[in-house]
PDB file of N, CA and C in Angstrom:
ATOM      1  N   UNK A   1      26.232 -28.005   7.386  1.00  0.00           N
ATOM      2  CA  UNK A   1      25.754 -26.660   7.634  1.00  0.00           C
ATOM      3  C   UNK A   1      24.221 -26.702   7.774  1.00  0.00           C
ATOM      4  N   UNK A   2      23.702 -25.796   8.529  1.00  0.00           N
ATOM      5  CA  UNK A   2      22.294 -25.808   8.839  1.00  0.00           C
ATOM      6  C   UNK A   2      21.537 -24.845   7.910  1.00  0.00           C
ATOM      7  N   UNK A   3      20.670 -25.395   7.063  1.00  0.00           N
ATOM      8  CA  UNK A   3      19.926 -24.586   6.103  1.00  0.00           C
ATOM      9  C   UNK A   3      19.004 -23.591   6.810  1.00  0.00           C
ATOM     10  N   UNK A   4      18.480 -23.965   7.977  1.00  0.00           N
ATOM     11  CA  UNK A   4      17.628 -23.034   8.721  1.00  0.00           C
ATOM     12  C   UNK A   4      18.401 -21.784   9.122  1.00  0.00           C
ATOM     13  N   UNK A   5      19.670 -21.956   9.501  1.00  0.00           N
ATOM     14  CA  UNK A   5      20.502 -20.816   9.846  1.00  0.00           C
ATOM     15  C   UNK A   5      20.663 -19.907   8.638  1.00  0.00           C
ATOM     16  N   UNK A   6      20.914 -20.500   7.463  1.00  0.00           N
ATOM     17  CA  UNK A   6      21.054 -19.697   6.243  1.00  0.00           C
ATOM     18  C   UNK A   6      19.760 -18.968   5.911  1.00  0.00           C
ATOM     19  N   UNK A   7      18.639 -19.646   6.093  1.00  0.00           N
ATOM     20  CA  UNK A   7      17.353 -19.002   5.816  1.00  0.00           C
ATOM     21  C   UNK A   7      17.123 -17.815   6.749  1.00  0.00           C
ATOM     22  N   UNK A   8      17.485 -17.967   8.027  1.00  0.00           N
ATOM     23  CA  UNK A   8      17.351 -16.876   8.982  1.00  0.00           C
ATOM     24  C   UNK A   8      18.253 -15.710   8.575  1.00  0.00           C
ATOM     25  N   UNK A   9      19.474 -16.015   8.184  1.00  0.00           N
ATOM     26  CA  UNK A   9      20.392 -14.974   7.752  1.00  0.00           C
ATOM     27  C   UNK A   9      19.872 -14.276   6.493  1.00  0.00           C
ATOM     28  N   UNK A  10      19.316 -15.053   5.583  1.00  0.00           N
ATOM     29  CA  UNK A  10      18.762 -14.477   4.354  1.00  0.00           C
ATOM     30  C   UNK A  10      17.614 -13.536   4.672  1.00  0.00           C
ATOM     31  N   UNK A  11      16.776 -13.945   5.621  1.00  0.00           N
ATOM     32  CA  UNK A  11      15.649 -13.103   6.011  1.00  0.00           C
ATOM     33  C   UNK A  11      16.133 -11.787   6.606  1.00  0.00           C
ATOM     34  N   UNK A  12      17.117 -11.856   7.501  1.00  0.00           N
ATOM     35  CA  UNK A  12      17.656 -10.646   8.121  1.00  0.00           C
ATOM     36  C   UNK A  12      18.357  -9.763   7.089  1.00  0.00           C
ATOM     37  N   UNK A  13      19.089 -10.387   6.174  1.00  0.00           N
ATOM     38  CA  UNK A  13      19.751  -9.630   5.122  1.00  0.00           C
ATOM     39  C   UNK A  13      18.717  -8.961   4.216  1.00  0.00           C
ATOM     40  N   UNK A  14      17.655  -9.680   3.910  1.00  0.00           N
ATOM     41  CA  UNK A  14      16.585  -9.113   3.087  1.00  0.00           C
ATOM     42  C   UNK A  14      15.941  -7.907   3.752  1.00  0.00           C
ATOM     43  N   UNK A  15      15.715  -7.982   5.067  1.00  0.00           N
ATOM     44  CA  UNK A  15      15.144  -6.852   5.805  1.00  0.00           C
ATOM     45  C   UNK A  15      16.079  -5.651   5.757  1.00  0.00           C
ATOM     46  N   UNK A  16      17.349  -5.892   5.985  1.00  0.00           N
ATOM     47  CA  UNK A  16      18.316  -4.795   5.980  1.00  0.00           C
ATOM     48  C   UNK A  16      18.407  -4.159   4.597  1.00  0.00           C
ATOM     49  N   UNK A  17      18.379  -4.980   3.556  1.00  0.00           N
ATOM     50  CA  UNK A  17      18.461  -4.440   2.202  1.00  0.00           C
ATOM     51  C   UNK A  17      17.191  -3.660   1.861  1.00  0.00           C
ATOM     52  N   UNK A  18      16.034  -4.151   2.319  1.00  0.00           N
ATOM     53  CA  UNK A  18      14.778  -3.447   2.063  1.00  0.00           C
ATOM     54  C   UNK A  18      14.788  -2.073   2.731  1.00  0.00           C
ATOM     55  N   UNK A  19      15.372  -1.988   3.913  1.00  0.00           N
ATOM     56  CA  UNK A  19      15.460  -0.703   4.605  1.00  0.00           C
ATOM     57  C   UNK A  19      16.332   0.282   3.826  1.00  0.00           C
ATOM     58  N   UNK A  20      17.239  -0.230   3.035  1.00  0.00           N
ATOM     59  CA  UNK A  20      18.116   0.615   2.226  1.00  0.00           C
ATOM     60  C   UNK A  20      17.536   0.876   0.831  1.00  0.00           C
ATOM     61  N   UNK A  21      16.354   0.306   0.561  1.00  0.00           N
ATOM     62  CA  UNK A  21      15.697   0.552  -0.715  1.00  0.00           C
ATOM     63  C   UNK A  21      15.978  -0.475  -1.793  1.00  0.00           C
ATOM     64  N   UNK A  22      16.661  -1.568  -1.456  1.00  0.00           N
ATOM     65  CA  UNK A  22      16.928  -2.614  -2.435  1.00  0.00           C
ATOM     66  C   UNK A  22      15.756  -3.568  -2.498  1.00  0.00           C
ATOM     67  N   UNK A  23      15.508  -4.122  -3.666  1.00  0.00           N
ATOM     68  CA  UNK A  23      14.388  -5.065  -3.794  1.00  0.00           C
ATOM     69  C   UNK A  23      14.837  -6.333  -4.514  1.00  0.00           C
ATOM     70  N   UNK A  24      15.906  -6.957  -4.017  1.00  0.00           N
ATOM     71  CA  UNK A  24      16.416  -8.197  -4.596  1.00  0.00           C
ATOM     72  C   UNK A  24      15.761  -9.366  -3.872  1.00  0.00           C
ATOM     73  N   UNK A  25      15.225 -10.343  -4.602  1.00  0.00           N
ATOM     74  CA  UNK A  25      14.629 -11.502  -3.932  1.00  0.00           C
ATOM     75  C   UNK A  25      15.661 -12.216  -3.055  1.00  0.00           C
ATOM     76  N   UNK A  26      15.248 -12.622  -1.883  1.00  0.00           N
ATOM     77  CA  UNK A  26      16.166 -13.252  -0.929  1.00  0.00           C
ATOM     78  C   UNK A  26      16.919 -14.452  -1.517  1.00  0.00           C
ATOM     79  N   UNK A  27      16.269 -15.379  -2.205  1.00  0.00           N
ATOM     80  CA  UNK A  27      17.054 -16.508  -2.714  1.00  0.00           C
ATOM     81  C   UNK A  27      18.204 -16.085  -3.626  1.00  0.00           C
ATOM     82  N   UNK A  28      18.053 -15.002  -4.348  1.00  0.00           N
ATOM     83  CA  UNK A  28      19.127 -14.561  -5.232  1.00  0.00           C
ATOM     84  C   UNK A  28      20.287 -13.951  -4.477  1.00  0.00           C
ATOM     85  N   UNK A  29      20.023 -13.353  -3.340  1.00  0.00           N
ATOM     86  CA  UNK A  29      21.112 -12.686  -2.637  1.00  0.00           C
ATOM     87  C   UNK A  29      21.788 -13.576  -1.611  1.00  0.00           C
ATOM     88  N   UNK A  30      21.146 -14.630  -1.166  1.00  0.00           N
ATOM     89  CA  UNK A  30      21.771 -15.367  -0.088  1.00  0.00           C
ATOM     90  C   UNK A  30      21.844 -16.868  -0.283  1.00  0.00           C
ATOM     91  N   UNK A  31      20.873 -17.478  -0.930  1.00  0.00           N
ATOM     92  CA  UNK A  31      20.874 -18.939  -0.974  1.00  0.00           C
ATOM     93  C   UNK A  31      22.080 -19.458  -1.734  1.00  0.00           C
ATOM     94  N   UNK A  32      22.818 -20.289  -1.094  1.00  0.00           N
ATOM     95  CA  UNK A  32      24.000 -20.888  -1.702  1.00  0.00           C
ATOM     96  C   UNK A  32      24.279 -22.184  -0.970  1.00  0.00           C
ATOM     97  N   UNK A  33      24.663 -23.185  -1.690  1.00  0.00           N
ATOM     98  CA  UNK A  33      24.936 -24.480  -1.073  1.00  0.00           C
ATOM     99  C   UNK A  33      26.385 -24.519  -0.599  1.00  0.00           C
ATOM    100  N   UNK A  34      26.627 -23.910   0.562  1.00  0.00           N
ATOM    101  CA  UNK A  34      27.989 -23.844   1.088  1.00  0.00           C
ATOM    102  C   UNK A  34      28.546 -25.224   1.402  1.00  0.00           C
ATOM    103  N   UNK A  35      27.711 -26.132   1.825  1.00  0.00           N
ATOM    104  CA  UNK A  35      28.191 -27.458   2.201  1.00  0.00           C
ATOM    105  C   UNK A  35      28.873 -28.156   1.037  1.00  0.00           C
ATOM    106  N   UNK A  36      28.299 -28.052  -0.163  1.00  0.00           N
ATOM    107  CA  UNK A  36      28.934 -28.722  -1.297  1.00  0.00           C
ATOM    108  C   UNK A  36      30.222 -28.020  -1.696  1.00  0.00           C
ATOM    109  N   UNK A  37      30.315 -26.721  -1.446  1.00  0.00           N
ATOM    110  CA  UNK A  37      31.526 -25.970  -1.777  1.00  0.00           C
ATOM    111  C   UNK A  37      32.634 -26.231  -0.753  1.00  0.00           C
ATOM    112  N   UNK A  38      32.286 -26.187   0.511  1.00  0.00           N
ATOM    113  CA  UNK A  38      33.270 -26.309   1.566  1.00  0.00           C
ATOM    114  C   UNK A  38      33.543 -27.762   1.923  1.00  0.00           C
ATOM    115  N   UNK A  39      32.527 -28.584   1.898  1.00  0.00           N
ATOM    116  CA  UNK A  39      32.704 -29.958   2.326  1.00  0.00           C
ATOM    117  C   UNK A  39      32.821 -30.014   3.839  1.00  0.00           C
ATOM    118  N   UNK A  40      33.517 -31.013   4.316  1.00  0.00           N
ATOM    119  CA  UNK A  40      33.633 -31.195   5.754  1.00  0.00           C
ATOM    120  C   UNK A  40      34.841 -30.485   6.355  1.00  0.00           C
ATOM    121  N   UNK A  41      35.710 -29.930   5.517  1.00  0.00           N
ATOM    122  CA  UNK A  41      36.931 -29.322   6.030  1.00  0.00           C
ATOM    123  C   UNK A  41      36.891 -27.805   5.934  1.00  0.00           C
ATOM    124  N   UNK A  42      36.255 -27.173   6.886  1.00  0.00           N
ATOM    125  CA  UNK A  42      36.193 -25.719   6.937  1.00  0.00           C
ATOM    126  C   UNK A  42      37.590 -25.147   7.170  1.00  0.00           C
ATOM    127  N   UNK A  43      38.447 -25.896   7.838  1.00  0.00           N
ATOM    128  CA  UNK A  43      39.794 -25.422   8.168  1.00  0.00           C
ATOM    129  C   UNK A  43      40.584 -25.010   6.933  1.00  0.00           C
ATOM    130  N   UNK A  44      40.301 -25.591   5.786  1.00  0.00           N
ATOM    131  CA  UNK A  44      41.057 -25.263   4.575  1.00  0.00           C
ATOM    132  C   UNK A  44      40.871 -23.819   4.127  1.00  0.00           C
ATOM    133  N   UNK A  45      39.961 -23.093   4.764  1.00  0.00           N
ATOM    134  CA  UNK A  45      39.710 -21.692   4.442  1.00  0.00           C
ATOM    135  C   UNK A  45      40.194 -20.742   5.547  1.00  0.00           C
ATOM    136  N   UNK A  46      40.899 -21.277   6.532  1.00  0.00           N
ATOM    137  CA  UNK A  46      41.291 -20.496   7.701  1.00  0.00           C
ATOM    138  C   UNK A  46      42.812 -20.438   7.817  1.00  0.00           C
ATOM    139  N   UNK A  47      43.324 -19.271   8.197  1.00  0.00           N
ATOM    140  CA  UNK A  47      44.739 -19.120   8.520  1.00  0.00           C
ATOM    141  C   UNK A  47      44.892 -19.321  10.028  1.00  0.00           C
ATOM    142  N   UNK A  48      45.659 -20.309  10.421  1.00  0.00           N
ATOM    143  CA  UNK A  48      45.898 -20.588  11.843  1.00  0.00           C
ATOM    144  C   UNK A  48      47.053 -19.696  12.285  1.00  0.00           C
ATOM    145  N   UNK A  49      46.837 -18.871  13.304  1.00  0.00           N
ATOM    146  CA  UNK A  49      47.755 -17.793  13.615  1.00  0.00           C
ATOM    147  C   UNK A  49      48.282 -17.834  15.048  1.00  0.00           C
ATOM    148  N   UNK A  50      49.584 -17.564  15.170  1.00  0.00           N
ATOM    149  CA  UNK A  50      50.201 -17.349  16.476  1.00  0.00           C
ATOM    150  C   UNK A  50      51.161 -16.177  16.315  1.00  0.00           C
ATOM    151  N   UNK A  51      50.685 -14.987  16.660  1.00  0.00           N
ATOM    152  CA  UNK A  51      51.476 -13.769  16.478  1.00  0.00           C
ATOM    153  C   UNK A  51      51.770 -13.046  17.790  1.00  0.00           C
ATOM    154  N   UNK A  52      51.583 -13.729  18.904  1.00  0.00           N
ATOM    155  CA  UNK A  52      51.918 -13.096  20.184  1.00  0.00           C
ATOM    156  C   UNK A  52      53.410 -12.773  20.184  1.00  0.00           C
ATOM    157  N   UNK A  53      53.791 -11.547  20.526  1.00  0.00           N
ATOM    158  CA  UNK A  53      55.213 -11.194  20.501  1.00  0.00           C
ATOM    159  C   UNK A  53      56.055 -12.014  21.477  1.00  0.00           C
ATOM    160  N   UNK A  54      55.419 -12.543  22.511  1.00  0.00           N
ATOM    161  CA  UNK A  54      56.153 -13.335  23.499  1.00  0.00           C
ATOM    162  C   UNK A  54      55.890 -14.837  23.364  1.00  0.00           C
ATOM    163  N   UNK A  55      55.444 -15.270  22.186  1.00  0.00           N
ATOM    164  CA  UNK A  55      55.178 -16.697  21.963  1.00  0.00           C
ATOM    165  C   UNK A  55      56.465 -17.498  22.114  1.00  0.00           C
ATOM    166  N   UNK A  56      56.349 -18.629  22.770  1.00  0.00           N
ATOM    167  CA  UNK A  56      57.516 -19.497  22.957  1.00  0.00           C
ATOM    168  C   UNK A  56      57.675 -20.407  21.741  1.00  0.00           C
ATOM    169  N   UNK A  57      58.843 -20.990  21.632  1.00  0.00           N
ATOM    170  CA  UNK A  57      59.088 -21.942  20.540  1.00  0.00           C
ATOM    171  C   UNK A  57      58.085 -23.092  20.635  1.00  0.00           C
ATOM    172  N   UNK A  58      57.784 -23.551  21.846  1.00  0.00           N
ATOM    173  CA  UNK A  58      56.809 -24.634  22.023  1.00  0.00           C
ATOM    174  C   UNK A  58      55.432 -24.227  21.507  1.00  0.00           C
ATOM    175  N   UNK A  59      55.021 -22.987  21.759  1.00  0.00           N
ATOM    176  CA  UNK A  59      53.724 -22.514  21.257  1.00  0.00           C
ATOM    177  C   UNK A  59      53.717 -22.450  19.729  1.00  0.00           C
ATOM    178  N   UNK A  60      54.807 -21.985  19.161  1.00  0.00           N
ATOM    179  CA  UNK A  60      54.903 -21.913  17.700  1.00  0.00           C
ATOM    180  C   UNK A  60      54.844 -23.312  17.105  1.00  0.00           C
ATOM    181  N   UNK A  61      55.611 -24.234  17.666  1.00  0.00           N
ATOM    182  CA  UNK A  61      55.616 -25.604  17.166  1.00  0.00           C
ATOM    183  C   UNK A  61      54.243 -26.258  17.317  1.00  0.00           C
ATOM    184  N   UNK A  62      53.548 -25.979  18.399  1.00  0.00           N
ATOM    185  CA  UNK A  62      52.198 -26.515  18.592  1.00  0.00           C
ATOM    186  C   UNK A  62      51.243 -25.945  17.555  1.00  0.00           C
ATOM    187  N   UNK A  63      51.372 -24.663  17.252  1.00  0.00           N
ATOM    188  CA  UNK A  63      50.520 -24.026  16.240  1.00  0.00           C
ATOM    189  C   UNK A  63      50.777 -24.632  14.861  1.00  0.00           C
ATOM    190  N   UNK A  64      52.044 -24.852  14.544  1.00  0.00           N
ATOM    191  CA  UNK A  64      52.399 -25.478  13.267  1.00  0.00           C
ATOM    192  C   UNK A  64      51.824 -26.881  13.202  1.00  0.00           C
ATOM    193  N   UNK A  65      51.938 -27.631  14.275  1.00  0.00           N
ATOM    194  CA  UNK A  65      51.409 -28.997  14.328  1.00  0.00           C
ATOM    195  C   UNK A  65      49.890 -29.011  14.150  1.00  0.00           C
ATOM    196  N   UNK A  66      49.203 -28.090  14.818  1.00  0.00           N
ATOM    197  CA  UNK A  66      47.744 -28.000  14.674  1.00  0.00           C
ATOM    198  C   UNK A  66      47.357 -27.661  13.240  1.00  0.00           C
ATOM    199  N   UNK A  67      48.093 -26.733  12.637  1.00  0.00           N
ATOM    200  CA  UNK A  67      47.794 -26.353  11.252  1.00  0.00           C
ATOM    201  C   UNK A  67      47.928 -27.550  10.329  1.00  0.00           C
ATOM    202  N   UNK A  68      48.954 -28.362  10.550  1.00  0.00           N
ATOM    203  CA  UNK A  68      49.159 -29.550   9.712  1.00  0.00           C
ATOM    204  C   UNK A  68      48.118 -30.626  10.008  1.00  0.00           C
ATOM    205  N   UNK A  69      47.834 -30.837  11.274  1.00  0.00           N
ATOM    206  CA  UNK A  69      46.862 -31.865  11.664  1.00  0.00           C
ATOM    207  C   UNK A  69      45.480 -31.593  11.087  1.00  0.00           C
ATOM    208  N   UNK A  70      45.033 -30.346  11.175  1.00  0.00           N
ATOM    209  CA  UNK A  70      43.685 -29.997  10.740  1.00  0.00           C
ATOM    210  C   UNK A  70      43.642 -29.430   9.319  1.00  0.00           C
ATOM    211  N   UNK A  71      44.796 -29.364   8.666  1.00  0.00           N
ATOM    212  CA  UNK A  71      44.908 -28.893   7.285  1.00  0.00           C
ATOM    213  C   UNK A  71      44.325 -27.499   7.081  1.00  0.00           C
ATOM    214  N   UNK A  72      44.791 -26.563   7.919  1.00  0.00           N
ATOM    215  CA  UNK A  72      44.422 -25.165   7.727  1.00  0.00           C
ATOM    216  C   UNK A  72      45.022 -24.672   6.417  1.00  0.00           C
ATOM    217  N   UNK A  73      44.506 -23.572   5.888  1.00  0.00           N
ATOM    218  CA  UNK A  73      45.038 -23.005   4.648  1.00  0.00           C
ATOM    219  C   UNK A  73      46.487 -22.596   4.837  1.00  0.00           C
ATOM    220  N   UNK A  74      46.777 -21.976   5.980  1.00  0.00           N
ATOM    221  CA  UNK A  74      48.152 -21.564   6.259  1.00  0.00           C
ATOM    222  C   UNK A  74      48.358 -21.462   7.757  1.00  0.00           C
ATOM    223  N   UNK A  75      49.626 -21.344   8.129  1.00  0.00           N
ATOM    224  CA  UNK A  75      49.995 -21.033   9.494  1.00  0.00           C
ATOM    225  C   UNK A  75      50.693 -19.683   9.425  1.00  0.00           C
ATOM    226  N   UNK A  76      50.198 -18.715  10.201  1.00  0.00           N
ATOM    227  CA  UNK A  76      50.735 -17.359  10.181  1.00  0.00           C
ATOM    228  C   UNK A  76      51.498 -17.130  11.476  1.00  0.00           C
ATOM    229  N   UNK A  77      52.806 -16.888  11.330  1.00  0.00           N
ATOM    230  CA  UNK A  77      53.687 -16.777  12.480  1.00  0.00           C
ATOM    231  C   UNK A  77      54.646 -15.610  12.302  1.00  0.00           C
ATOM    232  N   UNK A  78      55.339 -15.271  13.372  1.00  0.00           N
ATOM    233  CA  UNK A  78      56.339 -14.195  13.347  1.00  0.00           C
ATOM    234  C   UNK A  78      57.462 -14.592  12.378  1.00  0.00           C
ATOM    235  N   UNK A  79      58.052 -13.632  11.677  1.00  0.00           N
ATOM    236  CA  UNK A  79      59.089 -13.941  10.682  1.00  0.00           C
ATOM    237  C   UNK A  79      60.251 -14.777  11.201  1.00  0.00           C
ATOM    238  N   UNK A  80      60.597 -14.640  12.480  1.00  0.00           N
ATOM    239  CA  UNK A  80      61.756 -15.389  12.981  1.00  0.00           C
ATOM    240  C   UNK A  80      61.515 -16.896  13.029  1.00  0.00           C
ATOM    241  N   UNK A  81      60.257 -17.340  12.885  1.00  0.00           N
ATOM    242  CA  UNK A  81      59.948 -18.771  12.914  1.00  0.00           C
ATOM    243  C   UNK A  81      59.604 -19.347  11.533  1.00  0.00           C
ATOM    244  N   UNK A  82      59.729 -18.557  10.502  1.00  0.00           N
ATOM    245  CA  UNK A  82      59.364 -19.015   9.158  1.00  0.00           C
ATOM    246  C   UNK A  82      60.177 -20.230   8.742  1.00  0.00           C
ATOM    247  N   UNK A  83      61.476 -20.219   9.001  1.00  0.00           N
ATOM    248  CA  UNK A  83      62.310 -21.362   8.617  1.00  0.00           C
ATOM    249  C   UNK A  83      61.869 -22.650   9.315  1.00  0.00           C
ATOM    250  N   UNK A  84      61.495 -22.535  10.585  1.00  0.00           N
ATOM    251  CA  UNK A  84      61.017 -23.695  11.336  1.00  0.00           C
ATOM    252  C   UNK A  84      59.745 -24.242  10.685  1.00  0.00           C
ATOM    253  N   UNK A  85      58.799 -23.351  10.386  1.00  0.00           N
ATOM    254  CA  UNK A  85      57.531 -23.771   9.781  1.00  0.00           C
ATOM    255  C   UNK A  85      57.739 -24.327   8.382  1.00  0.00           C
ATOM    256  N   UNK A  86      58.597 -23.684   7.626  1.00  0.00           N
ATOM    257  CA  UNK A  86      58.871 -24.136   6.254  1.00  0.00           C
ATOM    258  C   UNK A  86      59.410 -25.564   6.260  1.00  0.00           C
ATOM    259  N   UNK A  87      60.335 -25.836   7.147  1.00  0.00           N
ATOM    260  CA  UNK A  87      60.915 -27.184   7.231  1.00  0.00           C
ATOM    261  C   UNK A  87      59.863 -28.193   7.696  1.00  0.00           C
ATOM    262  N   UNK A  88      59.117 -27.832   8.713  1.00  0.00           N
ATOM    263  CA  UNK A  88      58.108 -28.753   9.280  1.00  0.00           C
ATOM    264  C   UNK A  88      56.979 -29.042   8.293  1.00  0.00           C
ATOM    265  N   UNK A  89      56.617 -28.075   7.465  1.00  0.00           N
ATOM    266  CA  UNK A  89      55.472 -28.223   6.556  1.00  0.00           C
ATOM    267  C   UNK A  89      55.875 -28.489   5.108  1.00  0.00           C
ATOM    268  N   UNK A  90      57.127 -28.873   4.868  1.00  0.00           N
ATOM    269  CA  UNK A  90      57.613 -29.035   3.495  1.00  0.00           C
ATOM    270  C   UNK A  90      56.827 -30.078   2.699  1.00  0.00           C
ATOM    271  N   UNK A  91      56.264 -31.068   3.355  1.00  0.00           N
ATOM    272  CA  UNK A  91      55.486 -32.100   2.659  1.00  0.00           C
ATOM    273  C   UNK A  91      53.985 -31.947   2.901  1.00  0.00           C
ATOM    274  N   UNK A  92      53.576 -30.780   3.325  1.00  0.00           N
ATOM    275  CA  UNK A  92      52.182 -30.512   3.659  1.00  0.00           C
ATOM    276  C   UNK A  92      51.582 -29.513   2.673  1.00  0.00           C
ATOM    277  N   UNK A  93      50.269 -29.500   2.590  1.00  0.00           N
ATOM    278  CA  UNK A  93      49.584 -28.515   1.750  1.00  0.00           C
ATOM    279  C   UNK A  93      49.389 -27.188   2.484  1.00  0.00           C
ATOM    280  N   UNK A  94      49.749 -27.139   3.757  1.00  0.00           N
ATOM    281  CA  UNK A  94      49.606 -25.923   4.560  1.00  0.00           C
ATOM    282  C   UNK A  94      50.686 -24.915   4.151  1.00  0.00           C
ATOM    283  N   UNK A  95      50.255 -23.703   3.821  1.00  0.00           N
ATOM    284  CA  UNK A  95      51.191 -22.650   3.440  1.00  0.00           C
ATOM    285  C   UNK A  95      51.754 -21.975   4.688  1.00  0.00           C
ATOM    286  N   UNK A  96      52.918 -21.365   4.529  1.00  0.00           N
ATOM    287  CA  UNK A  96      53.521 -20.599   5.616  1.00  0.00           C
ATOM    288  C   UNK A  96      53.295 -19.120   5.312  1.00  0.00           C
ATOM    289  N   UNK A  97      52.776 -18.417   6.300  1.00  0.00           N
ATOM    290  CA  UNK A  97      52.448 -16.996   6.151  1.00  0.00           C
ATOM    291  C   UNK A  97      53.153 -16.241   7.282  1.00  0.00           C
ATOM    292  N   UNK A  98      53.578 -15.013   6.990  1.00  0.00           N
ATOM    293  CA  UNK A  98      54.182 -14.198   8.033  1.00  0.00           C
ATOM    294  C   UNK A  98      53.714 -12.758   7.892  1.00  0.00           C
ATOM    295  N   UNK A  99      54.175 -11.922   8.786  1.00  0.00           N
ATOM    296  CA  UNK A  99      53.780 -10.512   8.818  1.00  0.00           C
ATOM    297  C   UNK A  99      55.024  -9.633   8.894  1.00  0.00           C
ATOM    298  N   UNK A 100      54.851  -8.365   8.628  1.00  0.00           N
ATOM    299  CA  UNK A 100      55.944  -7.407   8.748  1.00  0.00           C
ATOM    300  C   UNK A 100      55.493  -6.316   9.710  1.00  0.00           C
ATOM    301  N   UNK A 101      56.264  -6.110  10.764  1.00  0.00           N
ATOM    302  CA  UNK A 101      55.966  -5.037  11.696  1.00  0.00           C
ATOM    303  C   UNK A 101      54.755  -5.252  12.582  1.00  0.00           C
ATOM    304  N   UNK A 102      54.279  -6.468  12.727  1.00  0.00           N
ATOM    305  CA  UNK A 102      53.106  -6.745  13.561  1.00  0.00           C
ATOM    306  C   UNK A 102      53.568  -7.360  14.855  1.00  0.00           C
ATOM    307  N   UNK A 103      53.107  -7.017  15.973  1.00  0.00           N
ATOM    308  CA  UNK A 103      52.079  -6.038  16.276  1.00  0.00           C
ATOM    309  C   UNK A 103      52.643  -4.646  16.539  1.00  0.00           C
ATOM    310  N   UNK A 104      53.902  -4.431  16.297  1.00  0.00           N
ATOM    311  CA  UNK A 104      54.524  -3.148  16.583  1.00  0.00           C
ATOM    312  C   UNK A 104      54.491  -2.281  15.364  1.00  0.00           C
TER     313      UNK A 104
END
């Protein structure tokens, strides 16, 4: 992660907070060593999703494969494919996630 980017964000956040009347020192509100917390695998914090109502079985299987390959936190798919994902990811740390009534 780029510390200069964080410093720029901290500066902008500090300006916005000052406009609202807050007077918190920037290092206290923004500085954080995200790299040591996240490490090299940002994917572990992301849900990999395929919720297109017209998604094909091949697209769902590709999404499941990508989630396993890159070790996403979960794969979020339509309920009718949960059994497929559950079986495919049974030995993986990737969780299976679904939705109810989405997108309808």
